[in-house]
Amino acid sequence: YDETCFECSKLITNKYSTSFSLGIKAFDKGFQYPI
């Protein structure tokens, strides 16, 4: 459930913002879901 919720926020980010999506992908993996 937790992972699914974070994936929902990831999907929202990817749909709404190319800029922030690419920036977040550059974070170390442990920082990506929280952002």
PDB file of all heavy atoms in Angstrom:
ATOM      1  N   TYR A   1       0.828  -1.208   0.000  1.00  0.00           N
ATOM      2  CA  TYR A   1       0.000   0.000   0.000  1.00  0.00           C
ATOM      3  C   TYR A   1       0.862   1.257   0.000  1.00  0.00           C
ATOM      4  O   TYR A   1       0.620   2.186  -0.768  1.00  0.00           O
ATOM      5  CB  TYR A   1      -0.937   0.014   1.213  1.00  0.00           C
ATOM      6  CG  TYR A   1      -1.784   1.270   1.286  1.00  0.00           C
ATOM      7  CD1 TYR A   1      -2.742   1.535   0.317  1.00  0.00           C
ATOM      8  CD2 TYR A   1      -1.587   2.207   2.299  1.00  0.00           C
ATOM      9  CE1 TYR A   1      -3.503   2.698   0.363  1.00  0.00           C
ATOM     10  CE2 TYR A   1      -2.347   3.374   2.352  1.00  0.00           C
ATOM     11  CZ  TYR A   1      -3.304   3.615   1.373  1.00  0.00           C
ATOM     12  OH  TYR A   1      -4.054   4.763   1.416  1.00  0.00           O
ATOM     13  N   ASP A   2       1.870   1.286   0.856  1.00  0.00           N
ATOM     14  CA  ASP A   2       2.758   2.446   0.916  1.00  0.00           C
ATOM     15  C   ASP A   2       3.423   2.691  -0.438  1.00  0.00           C
ATOM     16  O   ASP A   2       3.463   3.822  -0.937  1.00  0.00           O
ATOM     17  CB  ASP A   2       3.841   2.246   1.976  1.00  0.00           C
ATOM     18  CG  ASP A   2       3.285   2.237   3.393  1.00  0.00           C
ATOM     19  OD1 ASP A   2       2.176   2.765   3.595  1.00  0.00           O
ATOM     20  OD2 ASP A   2       3.971   1.709   4.285  1.00  0.00           O
ATOM     21  N   GLU A   3       3.944   1.621  -1.017  1.00  0.00           N
ATOM     22  CA  GLU A   3       4.636   1.761  -2.296  1.00  0.00           C
ATOM     23  C   GLU A   3       3.684   2.255  -3.375  1.00  0.00           C
ATOM     24  O   GLU A   3       4.048   3.121  -4.192  1.00  0.00           O
ATOM     25  CB  GLU A   3       5.245   0.426  -2.720  1.00  0.00           C
ATOM     26  CG  GLU A   3       6.056   0.527  -4.003  1.00  0.00           C
ATOM     27  CD  GLU A   3       6.754  -0.762  -4.370  1.00  0.00           C
ATOM     28  OE1 GLU A   3       6.574  -1.771  -3.638  1.00  0.00           O
ATOM     29  OE2 GLU A   3       7.464  -0.780  -5.382  1.00  0.00           O
ATOM     30  N   THR A   4       2.453   1.741  -3.378  1.00  0.00           N
ATOM     31  CA  THR A   4       1.470   2.173  -4.360  1.00  0.00           C
ATOM     32  C   THR A   4       1.166   3.664  -4.215  1.00  0.00           C
ATOM     33  O   THR A   4       1.030   4.388  -5.209  1.00  0.00           O
ATOM     34  CB  THR A   4       0.168   1.361  -4.203  1.00  0.00           C
ATOM     35  OG1 THR A   4       0.453  -0.028  -4.344  1.00  0.00           O
ATOM     36  CG2 THR A   4      -0.849   1.761  -5.265  1.00  0.00           C
ATOM     37  N   CYS A   5       1.079   4.134  -2.978  1.00  0.00           N
ATOM     38  CA  CYS A   5       0.804   5.551  -2.733  1.00  0.00           C
ATOM     39  C   CYS A   5       1.937   6.431  -3.246  1.00  0.00           C
ATOM     40  O   CYS A   5       1.696   7.474  -3.883  1.00  0.00           O
ATOM     41  CB  CYS A   5       0.574   5.791  -1.237  1.00  0.00           C
ATOM     42  SG  CYS A   5      -0.962   5.064  -0.602  1.00  0.00           S
ATOM     43  N   PHE A   6       3.174   6.023  -2.985  1.00  0.00           N
ATOM     44  CA  PHE A   6       4.305   6.793  -3.488  1.00  0.00           C
ATOM     45  C   PHE A   6       4.354   6.762  -5.018  1.00  0.00           C
ATOM     46  O   PHE A   6       4.708   7.766  -5.661  1.00  0.00           O
ATOM     47  CB  PHE A   6       5.619   6.267  -2.908  1.00  0.00           C
ATOM     48  CG  PHE A   6       5.911   6.764  -1.522  1.00  0.00           C
ATOM     49  CD1 PHE A   6       5.793   5.927  -0.420  1.00  0.00           C
ATOM     50  CD2 PHE A   6       6.299   8.078  -1.307  1.00  0.00           C
ATOM     51  CE1 PHE A   6       6.054   6.393   0.861  1.00  0.00           C
ATOM     52  CE2 PHE A   6       6.571   8.555  -0.032  1.00  0.00           C
ATOM     53  CZ  PHE A   6       6.447   7.709   1.055  1.00  0.00           C
ATOM     54  N   GLU A   7       3.979   5.632  -5.605  1.00  0.00           N
ATOM     55  CA  GLU A   7       3.952   5.535  -7.066  1.00  0.00           C
ATOM     56  C   GLU A   7       2.889   6.456  -7.656  1.00  0.00           C
ATOM     57  O   GLU A   7       3.066   6.984  -8.760  1.00  0.00           O
ATOM     58  CB  GLU A   7       3.701   4.079  -7.499  1.00  0.00           C
ATOM     59  CG  GLU A   7       4.919   3.179  -7.360  1.00  0.00           C
ATOM     60  CD  GLU A   7       6.019   3.519  -8.373  1.00  0.00           C
ATOM     61  OE1 GLU A   7       5.696   3.995  -9.476  1.00  0.00           O
ATOM     62  OE2 GLU A   7       7.212   3.304  -8.050  1.00  0.00           O
ATOM     63  N   CYS A   8       1.791   6.657  -6.930  1.00  0.00           N
ATOM     64  CA  CYS A   8       0.776   7.607  -7.392  1.00  0.00           C
ATOM     65  C   CYS A   8       1.356   9.022  -7.473  1.00  0.00           C
ATOM     66  O   CYS A   8       1.137   9.746  -8.448  1.00  0.00           O
ATOM     67  CB  CYS A   8      -0.428   7.594  -6.444  1.00  0.00           C
ATOM     68  SG  CYS A   8      -1.494   6.146  -6.602  1.00  0.00           S
ATOM     69  N   SER A   9       2.105   9.414  -6.436  1.00  0.00           N
ATOM     70  CA  SER A   9       2.720  10.743  -6.449  1.00  0.00           C
ATOM     71  C   SER A   9       3.784  10.856  -7.538  1.00  0.00           C
ATOM     72  O   SER A   9       3.946  11.913  -8.154  1.00  0.00           O
ATOM     73  CB  SER A   9       3.321  11.050  -5.072  1.00  0.00           C
ATOM     74  OG  SER A   9       2.299  11.240  -4.119  1.00  0.00           O
ATOM     75  N   LYS A  10       4.478   9.756  -7.777  1.00  0.00           N
ATOM     76  CA  LYS A  10       5.460   9.748  -8.869  1.00  0.00           C
ATOM     77  C   LYS A  10       4.765   9.946 -10.209  1.00  0.00           C
ATOM     78  O   LYS A  10       5.234  10.726 -11.060  1.00  0.00           O
ATOM     79  CB  LYS A  10       6.232   8.424  -8.860  1.00  0.00           C
ATOM     80  CG  LYS A  10       7.257   8.288  -9.981  1.00  0.00           C
ATOM     81  CD  LYS A  10       7.986   6.953  -9.891  1.00  0.00           C
ATOM     82  CE  LYS A  10       8.976   6.796 -11.028  1.00  0.00           C
ATOM     83  NZ  LYS A  10       9.696   5.493 -10.938  1.00  0.00           N
ATOM     84  N   LEU A  11       3.647   9.272 -10.405  1.00  0.00           N
ATOM     85  CA  LEU A  11       2.888   9.407 -11.644  1.00  0.00           C
ATOM     86  C   LEU A  11       2.409  10.844 -11.832  1.00  0.00           C
ATOM     87  O   LEU A  11       2.493  11.409 -12.936  1.00  0.00           O
ATOM     88  CB  LEU A  11       1.689   8.464 -11.626  1.00  0.00           C
ATOM     89  CG  LEU A  11       0.721   8.564 -12.812  1.00  0.00           C
ATOM     90  CD1 LEU A  11       1.414   8.186 -14.117  1.00  0.00           C
ATOM     91  CD2 LEU A  11      -0.494   7.669 -12.584  1.00  0.00           C
ATOM     92  N   ILE A  12       1.921  11.457 -10.755  1.00  0.00           N
ATOM     93  CA  ILE A  12       1.462  12.843 -10.812  1.00  0.00           C
ATOM     94  C   ILE A  12       2.600  13.762 -11.238  1.00  0.00           C
ATOM     95  O   ILE A  12       2.443  14.634 -12.100  1.00  0.00           O
ATOM     96  CB  ILE A  12       0.902  13.276  -9.442  1.00  0.00           C
ATOM     97  CG1 ILE A  12      -0.395  12.531  -9.150  1.00  0.00           C
ATOM     98  CG2 ILE A  12       0.663  14.787  -9.395  1.00  0.00           C
ATOM     99  CD1 ILE A  12      -0.823  12.598  -7.699  1.00  0.00           C
ATOM    100  N   THR A  13       3.769  13.568 -10.639  1.00  0.00           N
ATOM    101  CA  THR A  13       4.930  14.397 -10.973  1.00  0.00           C
ATOM    102  C   THR A  13       5.298  14.251 -12.441  1.00  0.00           C
ATOM    103  O   THR A  13       5.529  15.252 -13.145  1.00  0.00           O
ATOM    104  CB  THR A  13       6.137  14.010 -10.102  1.00  0.00           C
ATOM    105  OG1 THR A  13       5.754  14.003  -8.724  1.00  0.00           O
ATOM    106  CG2 THR A  13       7.281  14.981 -10.299  1.00  0.00           C
ATOM    107  N   ASN A  14       5.338  13.006 -12.924  1.00  0.00           N
ATOM    108  CA  ASN A  14       5.717  12.761 -14.311  1.00  0.00           C
ATOM    109  C   ASN A  14       4.708  13.349 -15.299  1.00  0.00           C
ATOM    110  O   ASN A  14       5.083  13.823 -16.374  1.00  0.00           O
ATOM    111  CB  ASN A  14       5.875  11.264 -14.561  1.00  0.00           C
ATOM    112  CG  ASN A  14       7.093  10.686 -13.851  1.00  0.00           C
ATOM    113  OD1 ASN A  14       8.037  11.404 -13.530  1.00  0.00           O
ATOM    114  ND2 ASN A  14       7.071   9.393 -13.586  1.00  0.00           N
ATOM    115  N   LYS A  15       3.431  13.319 -14.921  1.00  0.00           N
ATOM    116  CA  LYS A  15       2.380  13.840 -15.802  1.00  0.00           C
ATOM    117  C   LYS A  15       2.381  15.366 -15.850  1.00  0.00           C
ATOM    118  O   LYS A  15       2.125  15.966 -16.891  1.00  0.00           O
ATOM    119  CB  LYS A  15       1.014  13.349 -15.329  1.00  0.00           C
ATOM    120  CG  LYS A  15       0.720  11.894 -15.637  1.00  0.00           C
ATOM    121  CD  LYS A  15       0.481  11.683 -17.122  1.00  0.00           C
ATOM    122  CE  LYS A  15       0.035  10.280 -17.418  1.00  0.00           C
ATOM    123  NZ  LYS A  15      -0.237  10.055 -18.870  1.00  0.00           N
ATOM    124  N   TYR A  16       2.664  15.993 -14.720  1.00  0.00           N
ATOM    125  CA  TYR A  16       2.519  17.439 -14.614  1.00  0.00           C
ATOM    126  C   TYR A  16       3.792  18.228 -14.926  1.00  0.00           C
ATOM    127  O   TYR A  16       3.712  19.379 -15.345  1.00  0.00           O
ATOM    128  CB  TYR A  16       2.041  17.823 -13.211  1.00  0.00           C
ATOM    129  CG  TYR A  16       0.546  17.746 -13.019  1.00  0.00           C
ATOM    130  CD1 TYR A  16      -0.051  16.598 -12.515  1.00  0.00           C
ATOM    131  CD2 TYR A  16      -0.285  18.824 -13.329  1.00  0.00           C
ATOM    132  CE1 TYR A  16      -1.429  16.516 -12.333  1.00  0.00           C
ATOM    133  CE2 TYR A  16      -1.648  18.756 -13.151  1.00  0.00           C
ATOM    134  CZ  TYR A  16      -2.218  17.595 -12.651  1.00  0.00           C
ATOM    135  OH  TYR A  16      -3.578  17.514 -12.473  1.00  0.00           O
ATOM    136  N   SER A  17       4.961  17.651 -14.684  1.00  0.00           N
ATOM    137  CA  SER A  17       6.173  18.464 -14.793  1.00  0.00           C
ATOM    138  C   SER A  17       7.361  17.683 -15.345  1.00  0.00           C
ATOM    139  O   SER A  17       7.932  16.833 -14.647  1.00  0.00           O
ATOM    140  CB  SER A  17       6.542  19.053 -13.423  1.00  0.00           C
ATOM    141  OG  SER A  17       7.753  19.779 -13.505  1.00  0.00           O
ATOM    142  N   THR A  18       7.734  17.985 -16.580  1.00  0.00           N
ATOM    143  CA  THR A  18       8.948  17.406 -17.159  1.00  0.00           C
ATOM    144  C   THR A  18      10.180  17.869 -16.387  1.00  0.00           C
ATOM    145  O   THR A  18      11.091  17.073 -16.115  1.00  0.00           O
ATOM    146  CB  THR A  18       9.087  17.835 -18.633  1.00  0.00           C
ATOM    147  OG1 THR A  18       7.908  17.478 -19.341  1.00  0.00           O
ATOM    148  CG2 THR A  18      10.298  17.170 -19.277  1.00  0.00           C
ATOM    149  N   SER A  19      10.203  19.130 -16.026  1.00  0.00           N
ATOM    150  CA  SER A  19      11.375  19.705 -15.361  1.00  0.00           C
ATOM    151  C   SER A  19      11.662  19.015 -14.039  1.00  0.00           C
ATOM    152  O   SER A  19      12.776  18.543 -13.782  1.00  0.00           O
ATOM    153  CB  SER A  19      11.153  21.205 -15.116  1.00  0.00           C
ATOM    154  OG  SER A  19      10.905  21.877 -16.323  1.00  0.00           O
ATOM    155  N   PHE A  20      10.653  18.957 -13.168  1.00  0.00           N
ATOM    156  CA  PHE A  20      10.880  18.372 -11.858  1.00  0.00           C
ATOM    157  C   PHE A  20      11.066  16.855 -11.943  1.00  0.00           C
ATOM    158  O   PHE A  20      11.802  16.270 -11.149  1.00  0.00           O
ATOM    159  CB  PHE A  20       9.736  18.730 -10.911  1.00  0.00           C
ATOM    160  CG  PHE A  20       9.792  20.152 -10.429  1.00  0.00           C
ATOM    161  CD1 PHE A  20       8.836  21.073 -10.815  1.00  0.00           C
ATOM    162  CD2 PHE A  20      10.818  20.588  -9.595  1.00  0.00           C
ATOM    163  CE1 PHE A  20       8.896  22.392 -10.391  1.00  0.00           C
ATOM    164  CE2 PHE A  20      10.889  21.899  -9.160  1.00  0.00           C
ATOM    165  CZ  PHE A  20       9.916  22.808  -9.556  1.00  0.00           C
ATOM    166  N   SER A  21      10.418  16.205 -12.910  1.00  0.00           N
ATOM    167  CA  SER A  21      10.583  14.761 -13.061  1.00  0.00           C
ATOM    168  C   SER A  21      12.034  14.406 -13.363  1.00  0.00           C
ATOM    169  O   SER A  21      12.602  13.479 -12.759  1.00  0.00           O
ATOM    170  CB  SER A  21       9.680  14.240 -14.184  1.00  0.00           C
ATOM    171  OG  SER A  21       8.330  14.402 -13.854  1.00  0.00           O
ATOM    172  N   LEU A  22      12.631  15.139 -14.295  1.00  0.00           N
ATOM    173  CA  LEU A  22      14.030  14.868 -14.634  1.00  0.00           C
ATOM    174  C   LEU A  22      14.949  15.196 -13.461  1.00  0.00           C
ATOM    175  O   LEU A  22      15.904  14.468 -13.182  1.00  0.00           O
ATOM    176  CB  LEU A  22      14.438  15.683 -15.861  1.00  0.00           C
ATOM    177  CG  LEU A  22      13.883  15.198 -17.208  1.00  0.00           C
ATOM    178  CD1 LEU A  22      14.172  16.209 -18.306  1.00  0.00           C
ATOM    179  CD2 LEU A  22      14.468  13.837 -17.567  1.00  0.00           C
ATOM    180  N   GLY A  23      14.651  16.276 -12.755  1.00  0.00           N
ATOM    181  CA  GLY A  23      15.475  16.638 -11.609  1.00  0.00           C
ATOM    182  C   GLY A  23      15.434  15.581 -10.518  1.00  0.00           C
ATOM    183  O   GLY A  23      16.472  15.211  -9.952  1.00  0.00           O
ATOM    184  N   ILE A  24      14.241  15.056 -10.237  1.00  0.00           N
ATOM    185  CA  ILE A  24      14.095  14.058  -9.176  1.00  0.00           C
ATOM    186  C   ILE A  24      14.833  12.770  -9.536  1.00  0.00           C
ATOM    187  O   ILE A  24      15.407  12.107  -8.668  1.00  0.00           O
ATOM    188  CB  ILE A  24      12.603  13.784  -8.893  1.00  0.00           C
ATOM    189  CG1 ILE A  24      11.958  15.026  -8.269  1.00  0.00           C
ATOM    190  CG2 ILE A  24      12.428  12.592  -7.955  1.00  0.00           C
ATOM    191  CD1 ILE A  24      10.450  14.948  -8.133  1.00  0.00           C
ATOM    192  N   LYS A  25      14.831  12.418 -10.815  1.00  0.00           N
ATOM    193  CA  LYS A  25      15.548  11.209 -11.241  1.00  0.00           C
ATOM    194  C   LYS A  25      17.044  11.302 -10.965  1.00  0.00           C
ATOM    195  O   LYS A  25      17.742  10.287 -10.901  1.00  0.00           O
ATOM    196  CB  LYS A  25      15.311  10.955 -12.730  1.00  0.00           C
ATOM    197  CG  LYS A  25      13.923  10.430 -13.062  1.00  0.00           C
ATOM    198  CD  LYS A  25      13.784  10.186 -14.558  1.00  0.00           C
ATOM    199  CE  LYS A  25      12.443   9.543 -14.896  1.00  0.00           C
ATOM    200  NZ  LYS A  25      11.302  10.422 -14.647  1.00  0.00           N
ATOM    201  N   ALA A  26      17.560  12.524 -10.798  1.00  0.00           N
ATOM    202  CA  ALA A  26      18.989  12.706 -10.526  1.00  0.00           C
ATOM    203  C   ALA A  26      19.332  12.562  -9.054  1.00  0.00           C
ATOM    204  O   ALA A  26      20.513  12.527  -8.692  1.00  0.00           O
ATOM    205  CB  ALA A  26      19.441  14.076 -11.030  1.00  0.00           C
ATOM    206  N   PHE A  27      18.319  12.502  -8.192  1.00  0.00           N
ATOM    207  CA  PHE A  27      18.584  12.273  -6.768  1.00  0.00           C
ATOM    208  C   PHE A  27      18.998  10.829  -6.528  1.00  0.00           C
ATOM    209  O   PHE A  27      18.609   9.926  -7.275  1.00  0.00           O
ATOM    210  CB  PHE A  27      17.319  12.539  -5.932  1.00  0.00           C
ATOM    211  CG  PHE A  27      16.897  13.975  -5.857  1.00  0.00           C
ATOM    212  CD1 PHE A  27      15.566  14.326  -6.019  1.00  0.00           C
ATOM    213  CD2 PHE A  27      17.815  14.978  -5.617  1.00  0.00           C
ATOM    214  CE1 PHE A  27      15.159  15.645  -5.942  1.00  0.00           C
ATOM    215  CE2 PHE A  27      17.419  16.302  -5.543  1.00  0.00           C
ATOM    216  CZ  PHE A  27      16.086  16.643  -5.709  1.00  0.00           C
ATOM    217  N   ASP A  28      19.776  10.604  -5.462  1.00  0.00           N
ATOM    218  CA  ASP A  28      19.993   9.233  -5.016  1.00  0.00           C
ATOM    219  C   ASP A  28      18.633   8.599  -4.749  1.00  0.00           C
ATOM    220  O   ASP A  28      17.682   9.283  -4.333  1.00  0.00           O
ATOM    221  CB  ASP A  28      20.834   9.206  -3.734  1.00  0.00           C
ATOM    222  CG  ASP A  28      22.314   9.440  -4.017  1.00  0.00           C
ATOM    223  OD1 ASP A  28      22.686   9.590  -5.203  1.00  0.00           O
ATOM    224  OD2 ASP A  28      23.102   9.495  -3.046  1.00  0.00           O
ATOM    225  N   LYS A  29      18.510   7.299  -4.960  1.00  0.00           N
ATOM    226  CA  LYS A  29      17.222   6.622  -4.936  1.00  0.00           C
ATOM    227  C   LYS A  29      16.442   6.862  -3.643  1.00  0.00           C
ATOM    228  O   LYS A  29      15.215   7.011  -3.663  1.00  0.00           O
ATOM    229  CB  LYS A  29      17.415   5.122  -5.152  1.00  0.00           C
ATOM    230  CG  LYS A  29      16.125   4.389  -5.497  1.00  0.00           C
ATOM    231  CD  LYS A  29      16.410   2.994  -5.976  1.00  0.00           C
ATOM    232  CE  LYS A  29      15.112   2.288  -6.382  1.00  0.00           C
ATOM    233  NZ  LYS A  29      14.417   2.960  -7.484  1.00  0.00           N
ATOM    234  N   GLY A  30      17.136   6.921  -2.515  1.00  0.00           N
ATOM    235  CA  GLY A  30      16.459   7.084  -1.238  1.00  0.00           C
ATOM    236  C   GLY A  30      15.732   8.406  -1.080  1.00  0.00           C
ATOM    237  O   GLY A  30      14.839   8.535  -0.221  1.00  0.00           O
ATOM    238  N   PHE A  31      16.073   9.395  -1.906  1.00  0.00           N
ATOM    239  CA  PHE A  31      15.432  10.705  -1.826  1.00  0.00           C
ATOM    240  C   PHE A  31      14.252  10.852  -2.796  1.00  0.00           C
ATOM    241  O   PHE A  31      13.476  11.788  -2.682  1.00  0.00           O
ATOM    242  CB  PHE A  31      16.442  11.818  -2.124  1.00  0.00           C
ATOM    243  CG  PHE A  31      17.528  11.959  -1.100  1.00  0.00           C
ATOM    244  CD1 PHE A  31      18.801  11.490  -1.345  1.00  0.00           C
ATOM    245  CD2 PHE A  31      17.266  12.551   0.128  1.00  0.00           C
ATOM    246  CE1 PHE A  31      19.810  11.615  -0.404  1.00  0.00           C
ATOM    247  CE2 PHE A  31      18.260  12.693   1.079  1.00  0.00           C
ATOM    248  CZ  PHE A  31      19.532  12.218   0.816  1.00  0.00           C
ATOM    249  N   GLN A  32      14.132   9.929  -3.747  1.00  0.00           N
ATOM    250  CA  GLN A  32      13.179  10.138  -4.832  1.00  0.00           C
ATOM    251  C   GLN A  32      11.728  10.042  -4.374  1.00  0.00           C
ATOM    252  O   GLN A  32      10.921  10.955  -4.631  1.00  0.00           O
ATOM    253  CB  GLN A  32      13.452   9.143  -5.963  1.00  0.00           C
ATOM    254  CG  GLN A  32      14.758   9.422  -6.689  1.00  0.00           C
ATOM    255  CD  GLN A  32      15.033   8.434  -7.805  1.00  0.00           C
ATOM    256  OE1 GLN A  32      14.160   7.659  -8.220  1.00  0.00           O
ATOM    257  NE2 GLN A  32      16.271   8.432  -8.300  1.00  0.00           N
ATOM    258  N   TYR A  33      11.348   8.960  -3.709  1.00  0.00           N
ATOM    259  CA  TYR A  33       9.965   8.817  -3.267  1.00  0.00           C
ATOM    260  C   TYR A  33       9.520   9.975  -2.360  1.00  0.00           C
ATOM    261  O   TYR A  33       8.419  10.506  -2.534  1.00  0.00           O
ATOM    262  CB  TYR A  33       9.773   7.487  -2.548  1.00  0.00           C
ATOM    263  CG  TYR A  33       9.299   6.341  -3.432  1.00  0.00           C
ATOM    264  CD1 TYR A  33       9.340   5.028  -2.964  1.00  0.00           C
ATOM    265  CD2 TYR A  33       8.792   6.563  -4.715  1.00  0.00           C
ATOM    266  CE1 TYR A  33       8.898   3.968  -3.746  1.00  0.00           C
ATOM    267  CE2 TYR A  33       8.365   5.504  -5.499  1.00  0.00           C
ATOM    268  CZ  TYR A  33       8.413   4.207  -5.013  1.00  0.00           C
ATOM    269  OH  TYR A  33       7.974   3.163  -5.801  1.00  0.00           O
ATOM    270  N   PRO A  34      10.328  10.381  -1.379  1.00  0.00           N
ATOM    271  CA  PRO A  34       9.895  11.499  -0.533  1.00  0.00           C
ATOM    272  C   PRO A  34       9.635  12.792  -1.311  1.00  0.00           C
ATOM    273  O   PRO A  34       8.672  13.510  -1.018  1.00  0.00           O
ATOM    274  CB  PRO A  34      11.059  11.662   0.447  1.00  0.00           C
ATOM    275  CG  PRO A  34      11.666  10.312   0.537  1.00  0.00           C
ATOM    276  CD  PRO A  34      11.567   9.759  -0.849  1.00  0.00           C
ATOM    277  N   ILE A  35      10.456  13.087  -2.311  1.00  0.00           N
ATOM    278  CA  ILE A  35      10.255  14.311  -3.074  1.00  0.00           C
ATOM    279  C   ILE A  35       9.045  14.179  -4.006  1.00  0.00           C
ATOM    280  O   ILE A  35       8.292  15.145  -4.195  1.00  0.00           O
ATOM    281  CB  ILE A  35      11.514  14.703  -3.860  1.00  0.00           C
ATOM    282  CG1 ILE A  35      12.692  14.912  -2.892  1.00  0.00           C
ATOM    283  CG2 ILE A  35      11.281  15.962  -4.683  1.00  0.00           C
ATOM    284  CD1 ILE A  35      12.443  15.996  -1.852  1.00  0.00           C
TER     285      ILE A  35
END
